[in-house]
PDB file of N, CA and C in Angstrom:
ATOM      1  N   MET A   1     158.987  30.627 202.135  1.00  0.00           N
ATOM      2  CA  MET A   1     159.068  32.067 202.023  1.00  0.00           C
ATOM      3  C   MET A   1     157.702  32.621 201.679  1.00  0.00           C
ATOM      4  N   ASN A   2     157.372  33.712 202.309  1.00  0.00           N
ATOM      5  CA  ASN A   2     156.094  34.351 202.068  1.00  0.00           C
ATOM      6  C   ASN A   2     156.326  35.661 201.333  1.00  0.00           C
ATOM      7  N   THR A   3     155.950  35.711 200.067  1.00  0.00           N
ATOM      8  CA  THR A   3     156.096  36.939 199.289  1.00  0.00           C
ATOM      9  C   THR A   3     154.783  37.700 199.215  1.00  0.00           C
ATOM     10  N   ASN A   4     153.785  37.304 200.020  1.00  0.00           N
ATOM     11  CA  ASN A   4     152.488  37.958 199.973  1.00  0.00           C
ATOM     12  C   ASN A   4     152.582  39.452 200.259  1.00  0.00           C
ATOM     13  N   LEU A   5     153.333  39.845 201.288  1.00  0.00           N
ATOM     14  CA  LEU A   5     153.463  41.261 201.591  1.00  0.00           C
ATOM     15  C   LEU A   5     154.185  41.985 200.466  1.00  0.00           C
ATOM     16  N   LEU A   6     155.183  41.343 199.925  1.00  0.00           N
ATOM     17  CA  LEU A   6     155.929  41.925 198.805  1.00  0.00           C
ATOM     18  C   LEU A   6     155.009  42.125 197.608  1.00  0.00           C
ATOM     19  N   GLU A   7     154.243  41.117 197.307  1.00  0.00           N
ATOM     20  CA  GLU A   7     153.333  41.186 196.164  1.00  0.00           C
ATOM     21  C   GLU A   7     152.248  42.238 196.383  1.00  0.00           C
ATOM     22  N   LYS A   8     151.761  42.330 197.601  1.00  0.00           N
ATOM     23  CA  LYS A   8     150.654  43.248 197.899  1.00  0.00           C
ATOM     24  C   LYS A   8     151.098  44.708 197.987  1.00  0.00           C
ATOM     25  N   HIS A   9     152.262  44.966 198.616  1.00  0.00           N
ATOM     26  CA  HIS A   9     152.658  46.336 198.933  1.00  0.00           C
ATOM     27  C   HIS A   9     153.812  46.887 198.101  1.00  0.00           C
ATOM     28  N   ALA A  10     154.580  46.042 197.491  1.00  0.00           N
ATOM     29  CA  ALA A  10     155.762  46.502 196.739  1.00  0.00           C
ATOM     30  C   ALA A  10     155.689  45.947 195.328  1.00  0.00           C
ATOM     31  N   LYS A  11     154.685  46.367 194.618  1.00  0.00           N
ATOM     32  CA  LYS A  11     154.402  45.775 193.311  1.00  0.00           C
ATOM     33  C   LYS A  11     155.572  45.870 192.334  1.00  0.00           C
ATOM     34  N   SER A  12     156.245  47.009 192.273  1.00  0.00           N
ATOM     35  CA  SER A  12     157.380  47.158 191.350  1.00  0.00           C
ATOM     36  C   SER A  12     158.502  46.189 191.707  1.00  0.00           C
ATOM     37  N   PHE A  13     158.823  46.125 193.008  1.00  0.00           N
ATOM     38  CA  PHE A  13     159.879  45.205 193.421  1.00  0.00           C
ATOM     39  C   PHE A  13     159.454  43.760 193.212  1.00  0.00           C
ATOM     40  N   TYR A  14     158.185  43.492 193.455  1.00  0.00           N
ATOM     41  CA  TYR A  14     157.706  42.126 193.263  1.00  0.00           C
ATOM     42  C   TYR A  14     157.920  41.682 191.819  1.00  0.00           C
ATOM     43  N   TRP A  15     157.552  42.514 190.864  1.00  0.00           N
ATOM     44  CA  TRP A  15     157.728  42.136 189.451  1.00  0.00           C
ATOM     45  C   TRP A  15     159.203  42.089 189.078  1.00  0.00           C
ATOM     46  N   ALA A  16     160.009  42.990 189.611  1.00  0.00           N
ATOM     47  CA  ALA A  16     161.450  42.962 189.340  1.00  0.00           C
ATOM     48  C   ALA A  16     162.102  41.743 189.983  1.00  0.00           C
ATOM     49  N   SER A  17     161.479  41.224 191.027  1.00  0.00           N
ATOM     50  CA  SER A  17     162.063  40.096 191.751  1.00  0.00           C
ATOM     51  C   SER A  17     162.182  38.836 190.889  1.00  0.00           C
ATOM     52  N   PHE A  18     161.425  38.774 189.811  1.00  0.00           N
ATOM     53  CA  PHE A  18     161.524  37.612 188.931  1.00  0.00           C
ATOM     54  C   PHE A  18     162.904  37.497 188.290  1.00  0.00           C
ATOM     55  N   PHE A  19     163.663  38.584 188.328  1.00  0.00           N
ATOM     56  CA  PHE A  19     165.003  38.587 187.750  1.00  0.00           C
ATOM     57  C   PHE A  19     166.087  38.297 188.787  1.00  0.00           C
ATOM     58  N   LEU A  20     165.681  38.157 190.035  1.00  0.00           N
ATOM     59  CA  LEU A  20     166.654  37.881 191.101  1.00  0.00           C
ATOM     60  C   LEU A  20     166.840  36.384 191.285  1.00  0.00           C
ATOM     61  N   PRO A  21     168.054  35.980 191.663  1.00  0.00           N
ATOM     62  CA  PRO A  21     168.241  34.584 192.058  1.00  0.00           C
ATOM     63  C   PRO A  21     167.361  34.289 193.274  1.00  0.00           C
ATOM     64  N   LYS A  22     166.885  33.060 193.377  1.00  0.00           N
ATOM     65  CA  LYS A  22     165.953  32.691 194.447  1.00  0.00           C
ATOM     66  C   LYS A  22     166.493  32.998 195.840  1.00  0.00           C
ATOM     67  N   LYS A  23     167.779  32.781 196.040  1.00  0.00           N
ATOM     68  CA  LYS A  23     168.378  33.016 197.354  1.00  0.00           C
ATOM     69  C   LYS A  23     168.309  34.508 197.723  1.00  0.00           C
ATOM     70  N   ILE A  24     168.585  35.372 196.760  1.00  0.00           N
ATOM     71  CA  ILE A  24     168.525  36.813 197.002  1.00  0.00           C
ATOM     72  C   ILE A  24     167.075  37.261 197.186  1.00  0.00           C
ATOM     73  N   LEU A  25     166.178  36.710 196.389  1.00  0.00           N
ATOM     74  CA  LEU A  25     164.760  37.037 196.530  1.00  0.00           C
ATOM     75  C   LEU A  25     164.265  36.654 197.918  1.00  0.00           C
ATOM     76  N   TYR A  26     164.642  35.487 198.388  1.00  0.00           N
ATOM     77  CA  TYR A  26     164.220  35.037 199.709  1.00  0.00           C
ATOM     78  C   TYR A  26     164.689  36.014 200.785  1.00  0.00           C
ATOM     79  N   LYS A  27     165.968  36.350 200.765  1.00  0.00           N
ATOM     80  CA  LYS A  27     166.522  37.240 201.787  1.00  0.00           C
ATOM     81  C   LYS A  27     165.889  38.628 201.708  1.00  0.00           C
ATOM     82  N   SER A  28     165.690  39.111 200.509  1.00  0.00           N
ATOM     83  CA  SER A  28     165.059  40.420 200.320  1.00  0.00           C
ATOM     84  C   SER A  28     163.620  40.407 200.828  1.00  0.00           C
ATOM     85  N   SER A  29     162.905  39.338 200.560  1.00  0.00           N
ATOM     86  CA  SER A  29     161.523  39.220 200.997  1.00  0.00           C
ATOM     87  C   SER A  29     161.422  39.155 202.514  1.00  0.00           C
ATOM     88  N   VAL A  30     162.328  38.438 203.131  1.00  0.00           N
ATOM     89  CA  VAL A  30     162.333  38.350 204.595  1.00  0.00           C
ATOM     90  C   VAL A  30     162.545  39.730 205.199  1.00  0.00           C
ATOM     91  N   LEU A  31     163.522  40.456 204.686  1.00  0.00           N
ATOM     92  CA  LEU A  31     163.795  41.797 205.192  1.00  0.00           C
ATOM     93  C   LEU A  31     162.606  42.719 204.933  1.00  0.00           C
ATOM     94  N   TYR A  32     162.032  42.643 203.749  1.00  0.00           N
ATOM     95  CA  TYR A  32     160.869  43.474 203.425  1.00  0.00           C
ATOM     96  C   TYR A  32     159.704  43.153 204.366  1.00  0.00           C
ATOM     97  N   ASN A  33     159.414  41.889 204.569  1.00  0.00           N
ATOM     98  CA  ASN A  33     158.304  41.489 205.432  1.00  0.00           C
ATOM     99  C   ASN A  33     158.489  42.022 206.853  1.00  0.00           C
ATOM    100  N   PHE A  34     159.721  41.949 207.346  1.00  0.00           N
ATOM    101  CA  PHE A  34     160.014  42.434 208.692  1.00  0.00           C
ATOM    102  C   PHE A  34     159.793  43.945 208.776  1.00  0.00           C
ATOM    103  N   CYS A  35     160.362  44.673 207.833  1.00  0.00           N
ATOM    104  CA  CYS A  35     160.229  46.130 207.830  1.00  0.00           C
ATOM    105  C   CYS A  35     158.778  46.547 207.599  1.00  0.00           C
ATOM    106  N   ARG A  36     158.093  45.850 206.712  1.00  0.00           N
ATOM    107  CA  ARG A  36     156.696  46.176 206.421  1.00  0.00           C
ATOM    108  C   ARG A  36     155.824  45.968 207.651  1.00  0.00           C
ATOM    109  N   THR A  37     156.106  44.931 208.424  1.00  0.00           N
ATOM    110  CA  THR A  37     155.352  44.673 209.648  1.00  0.00           C
ATOM    111  C   THR A  37     155.506  45.829 210.622  1.00  0.00           C
ATOM    112  N   LEU A  38     156.742  46.308 210.790  1.00  0.00           N
ATOM    113  CA  LEU A  38     156.972  47.447 211.682  1.00  0.00           C
ATOM    114  C   LEU A  38     156.287  48.705 211.157  1.00  0.00           C
ATOM    115  N   ASP A  39     156.357  48.914 209.855  1.00  0.00           N
ATOM    116  CA  ASP A  39     155.707  50.068 209.241  1.00  0.00           C
ATOM    117  C   ASP A  39     154.192  50.014 209.443  1.00  0.00           C
ATOM    118  N   ASP A  40     153.629  48.835 209.266  1.00  0.00           N
ATOM    119  CA  ASP A  40     152.184  48.679 209.452  1.00  0.00           C
ATOM    120  C   ASP A  40     151.769  48.944 210.902  1.00  0.00           C
ATOM    121  N   LEU A  41     152.627  48.560 211.849  1.00  0.00           N
ATOM    122  CA  LEU A  41     152.328  48.849 213.257  1.00  0.00           C
ATOM    123  C   LEU A  41     152.287  50.357 213.494  1.00  0.00           C
ATOM    124  N   ALA A  42     153.211  51.081 212.877  1.00  0.00           N
ATOM    125  CA  ALA A  42     153.267  52.532 213.051  1.00  0.00           C
ATOM    126  C   ALA A  42     152.121  53.239 212.334  1.00  0.00           C
ATOM    127  N   ASP A  43     151.741  52.727 211.176  1.00  0.00           N
ATOM    128  CA  ASP A  43     150.707  53.378 210.366  1.00  0.00           C
ATOM    129  C   ASP A  43     149.286  52.972 210.734  1.00  0.00           C
ATOM    130  N   ASP A  44     149.152  52.034 211.644  1.00  0.00           N
ATOM    131  CA  ASP A  44     147.829  51.554 212.040  1.00  0.00           C
ATOM    132  C   ASP A  44     146.962  52.720 212.513  1.00  0.00           C
ATOM    133  N   LYS A  45     145.692  52.600 212.335  1.00  0.00           N
ATOM    134  CA  LYS A  45     144.755  53.677 212.702  1.00  0.00           C
ATOM    135  C   LYS A  45     144.366  53.647 214.185  1.00  0.00           C
ATOM    136  N   ASN A  46     144.960  52.735 214.939  1.00  0.00           N
ATOM    137  CA  ASN A  46     144.673  52.657 216.371  1.00  0.00           C
ATOM    138  C   ASN A  46     145.252  53.860 217.108  1.00  0.00           C
ATOM    139  N   SER A  47     144.903  53.976 218.372  1.00  0.00           N
ATOM    140  CA  SER A  47     145.439  55.049 219.218  1.00  0.00           C
ATOM    141  C   SER A  47     146.943  54.857 219.387  1.00  0.00           C
ATOM    142  N   LEU A  48     147.623  55.947 219.725  1.00  0.00           N
ATOM    143  CA  LEU A  48     149.061  55.884 219.951  1.00  0.00           C
ATOM    144  C   LEU A  48     149.395  54.875 221.047  1.00  0.00           C
ATOM    145  N   LYS A  49     148.574  54.831 222.082  1.00  0.00           N
ATOM    146  CA  LYS A  49     148.800  53.884 223.181  1.00  0.00           C
ATOM    147  C   LYS A  49     148.783  52.443 222.665  1.00  0.00           C
ATOM    148  N   LEU A  50     147.797  52.108 221.852  1.00  0.00           N
ATOM    149  CA  LEU A  50     147.698  50.751 221.312  1.00  0.00           C
ATOM    150  C   LEU A  50     148.829  50.463 220.326  1.00  0.00           C
ATOM    151  N   LYS A  51     149.206  51.458 219.538  1.00  0.00           N
ATOM    152  CA  LYS A  51     150.342  51.282 218.620  1.00  0.00           C
ATOM    153  C   LYS A  51     151.606  50.931 219.402  1.00  0.00           C
ATOM    154  N   LYS A  52     151.836  51.659 220.492  1.00  0.00           N
ATOM    155  CA  LYS A  52     153.011  51.399 221.329  1.00  0.00           C
ATOM    156  C   LYS A  52     152.953  49.997 221.927  1.00  0.00           C
ATOM    157  N   GLU A  53     151.792  49.610 222.422  1.00  0.00           N
ATOM    158  CA  GLU A  53     151.638  48.268 222.993  1.00  0.00           C
ATOM    159  C   GLU A  53     151.945  47.203 221.943  1.00  0.00           C
ATOM    160  N   ASN A  54     151.410  47.368 220.739  1.00  0.00           N
ATOM    161  CA  ASN A  54     151.647  46.394 219.672  1.00  0.00           C
ATOM    162  C   ASN A  54     153.115  46.368 219.260  1.00  0.00           C
ATOM    163  N   PHE A  55     153.736  47.548 219.195  1.00  0.00           N
ATOM    164  CA  PHE A  55     155.161  47.612 218.847  1.00  0.00           C
ATOM    165  C   PHE A  55     156.004  46.901 219.898  1.00  0.00           C
ATOM    166  N   PHE A  56     155.765  47.217 221.166  1.00  0.00           N
ATOM    167  CA  PHE A  56     156.572  46.606 222.222  1.00  0.00           C
ATOM    168  C   PHE A  56     156.328  45.101 222.334  1.00  0.00           C
ATOM    169  N   LYS A  57     155.126  44.661 222.015  1.00  0.00           N
ATOM    170  CA  LYS A  57     154.882  43.215 221.974  1.00  0.00           C
ATOM    171  C   LYS A  57     155.697  42.576 220.856  1.00  0.00           C
ATOM    172  N   PHE A  58     155.679  43.192 219.674  1.00  0.00           N
ATOM    173  CA  PHE A  58     156.472  42.658 218.561  1.00  0.00           C
ATOM    174  C   PHE A  58     157.959  42.684 218.904  1.00  0.00           C
ATOM    175  N   LYS A  59     158.420  43.785 219.483  1.00  0.00           N
ATOM    176  CA  LYS A  59     159.831  43.896 219.866  1.00  0.00           C
ATOM    177  C   LYS A  59     160.200  42.810 220.878  1.00  0.00           C
ATOM    178  N   ASN A  60     159.355  42.610 221.876  1.00  0.00           N
ATOM    179  CA  ASN A  60     159.599  41.582 222.884  1.00  0.00           C
ATOM    180  C   ASN A  60     159.631  40.192 222.247  1.00  0.00           C
ATOM    181  N   ASP A  61     158.693  39.944 221.340  1.00  0.00           N
ATOM    182  CA  ASP A  61     158.675  38.657 220.627  1.00  0.00           C
ATOM    183  C   ASP A  61     159.947  38.480 219.804  1.00  0.00           C
ATOM    184  N   PHE A  62     160.414  39.558 219.193  1.00  0.00           N
ATOM    185  CA  PHE A  62     161.637  39.482 218.395  1.00  0.00           C
ATOM    186  C   PHE A  62     162.847  39.198 219.278  1.00  0.00           C
ATOM    187  N   VAL A  63     162.998  39.979 220.333  1.00  0.00           N
ATOM    188  CA  VAL A  63     164.146  39.818 221.238  1.00  0.00           C
ATOM    189  C   VAL A  63     164.156  38.425 221.857  1.00  0.00           C
ATOM    190  N   ASN A  64     162.987  37.904 222.189  1.00  0.00           N
ATOM    191  CA  ASN A  64     162.887  36.585 222.817  1.00  0.00           C
ATOM    192  C   ASN A  64     162.759  35.446 221.811  1.00  0.00           C
ATOM    193  N   LYS A  65     162.932  35.796 220.538  1.00  0.00           N
ATOM    194  CA  LYS A  65     162.922  34.810 219.453  1.00  0.00           C
ATOM    195  C   LYS A  65     161.664  33.946 219.475  1.00  0.00           C
ATOM    196  N   ASN A  66     160.538  34.616 219.458  1.00  0.00           N
ATOM    197  CA  ASN A  66     159.259  33.916 219.397  1.00  0.00           C
ATOM    198  C   ASN A  66     159.059  33.405 217.973  1.00  0.00           C
ATOM    199  N   PHE A  67     159.457  32.176 217.738  1.00  0.00           N
ATOM    200  CA  PHE A  67     159.418  31.609 216.397  1.00  0.00           C
ATOM    201  C   PHE A  67     158.027  31.109 215.999  1.00  0.00           C
ATOM    202  N   ASN A  68     157.037  31.338 216.862  1.00  0.00           N
ATOM    203  CA  ASN A  68     155.658  31.104 216.432  1.00  0.00           C
ATOM    204  C   ASN A  68     155.228  32.170 215.433  1.00  0.00           C
ATOM    205  N   ASN A  69     155.927  33.297 215.432  1.00  0.00           N
ATOM    206  CA  ASN A  69     155.705  34.362 214.465  1.00  0.00           C
ATOM    207  C   ASN A  69     156.662  34.115 213.295  1.00  0.00           C
ATOM    208  N   ALA A  70     156.114  33.785 212.135  1.00  0.00           N
ATOM    209  CA  ALA A  70     156.932  33.408 210.973  1.00  0.00           C
ATOM    210  C   ALA A  70     157.851  34.541 210.525  1.00  0.00           C
ATOM    211  N   ILE A  71     157.407  35.777 210.642  1.00  0.00           N
ATOM    212  CA  ILE A  71     158.242  36.909 210.225  1.00  0.00           C
ATOM    213  C   ILE A  71     159.462  37.023 211.118  1.00  0.00           C
ATOM    214  N   ILE A  72     159.273  36.855 212.406  1.00  0.00           N
ATOM    215  CA  ILE A  72     160.396  36.885 213.343  1.00  0.00           C
ATOM    216  C   ILE A  72     161.316  35.698 213.117  1.00  0.00           C
ATOM    217  N   LYS A  73     160.752  34.533 212.928  1.00  0.00           N
ATOM    218  CA  LYS A  73     161.554  33.332 212.693  1.00  0.00           C
ATOM    219  C   LYS A  73     162.432  33.493 211.452  1.00  0.00           C
ATOM    220  N   GLU A  74     161.838  33.972 210.354  1.00  0.00           N
ATOM    221  CA  GLU A  74     162.616  34.134 209.116  1.00  0.00           C
ATOM    222  C   GLU A  74     163.670  35.226 209.264  1.00  0.00           C
ATOM    223  N   MET A  75     163.343  36.307 209.966  1.00  0.00           N
ATOM    224  CA  MET A  75     164.322  37.374 210.145  1.00  0.00           C
ATOM    225  C   MET A  75     165.510  36.889 210.956  1.00  0.00           C
ATOM    226  N   TRP A  76     165.246  36.136 212.018  1.00  0.00           N
ATOM    227  CA  TRP A  76     166.357  35.594 212.805  1.00  0.00           C
ATOM    228  C   TRP A  76     167.201  34.626 211.971  1.00  0.00           C
ATOM    229  N   SER A  77     166.565  33.911 211.090  1.00  0.00           N
ATOM    230  CA  SER A  77     167.307  33.010 210.210  1.00  0.00           C
ATOM    231  C   SER A  77     168.296  33.792 209.341  1.00  0.00           C
ATOM    232  N   ILE A  78     167.856  34.921 208.808  1.00  0.00           N
ATOM    233  CA  ILE A  78     168.735  35.759 207.988  1.00  0.00           C
ATOM    234  C   ILE A  78     169.816  36.410 208.844  1.00  0.00           C
ATOM    235  N   ILE A  79     169.452  36.894 210.016  1.00  0.00           N
ATOM    236  CA  ILE A  79     170.440  37.494 210.919  1.00  0.00           C
ATOM    237  C   ILE A  79     171.558  36.497 211.197  1.00  0.00           C
ATOM    238  N   ASN A  80     171.181  35.255 211.479  1.00  0.00           N
ATOM    239  CA  ASN A  80     172.186  34.243 211.794  1.00  0.00           C
ATOM    240  C   ASN A  80     172.980  33.809 210.556  1.00  0.00           C
ATOM    241  N   SER A  81     172.328  33.612 209.443  1.00  0.00           N
ATOM    242  CA  SER A  81     173.034  33.118 208.257  1.00  0.00           C
ATOM    243  C   SER A  81     173.988  34.164 207.682  1.00  0.00           C
ATOM    244  N   GLU A  82     173.646  35.441 207.854  1.00  0.00           N
ATOM    245  CA  GLU A  82     174.475  36.526 207.311  1.00  0.00           C
ATOM    246  C   GLU A  82     175.380  37.164 208.360  1.00  0.00           C
ATOM    247  N   ASN A  83     175.364  36.611 209.572  1.00  0.00           N
ATOM    248  CA  ASN A  83     176.167  37.135 210.676  1.00  0.00           C
ATOM    249  C   ASN A  83     175.949  38.635 210.894  1.00  0.00           C
ATOM    250  N   ILE A  84     174.689  39.036 210.904  1.00  0.00           N
ATOM    251  CA  ILE A  84     174.340  40.439 211.122  1.00  0.00           C
ATOM    252  C   ILE A  84     174.438  40.725 212.614  1.00  0.00           C
ATOM    253  N   SER A  85     175.164  41.778 212.951  1.00  0.00           N
ATOM    254  CA  SER A  85     175.338  42.151 214.345  1.00  0.00           C
ATOM    255  C   SER A  85     174.032  42.650 214.923  1.00  0.00           C
ATOM    256  N   ILE A  86     173.722  42.234 216.132  1.00  0.00           N
ATOM    257  CA  ILE A  86     172.524  42.718 216.805  1.00  0.00           C
ATOM    258  C   ILE A  86     172.892  43.718 217.889  1.00  0.00           C
ATOM    259  N   ASN A  87     174.156  44.083 217.979  1.00  0.00           N
ATOM    260  CA  ASN A  87     174.602  45.078 218.951  1.00  0.00           C
ATOM    261  C   ASN A  87     174.136  46.453 218.508  1.00  0.00           C
ATOM    262  N   VAL A  88     173.630  47.196 219.465  1.00  0.00           N
ATOM    263  CA  VAL A  88     173.126  48.542 219.158  1.00  0.00           C
ATOM    264  C   VAL A  88     174.145  49.555 219.597  1.00  0.00           C
TER     265      VAL A  88
END
């Protein structure tokens, strides 16, 4: 589990996380990392065109389960373990 994004960007939650059971902390961190990645793509200082390209690349990697990306791999692990519906 990578809590680096949590530690860097969500300082209050990171410190509160010491009170969470490890299993809950792991799942929360995975979800946070995934959402933070999308947020960072939107907030990037690049042009709108490049932001869209980066977003659609990430989306394509997610849909195609590109597990070379650790954030996507961990998110799919949570989706599967928690039986989260992917139907839109």
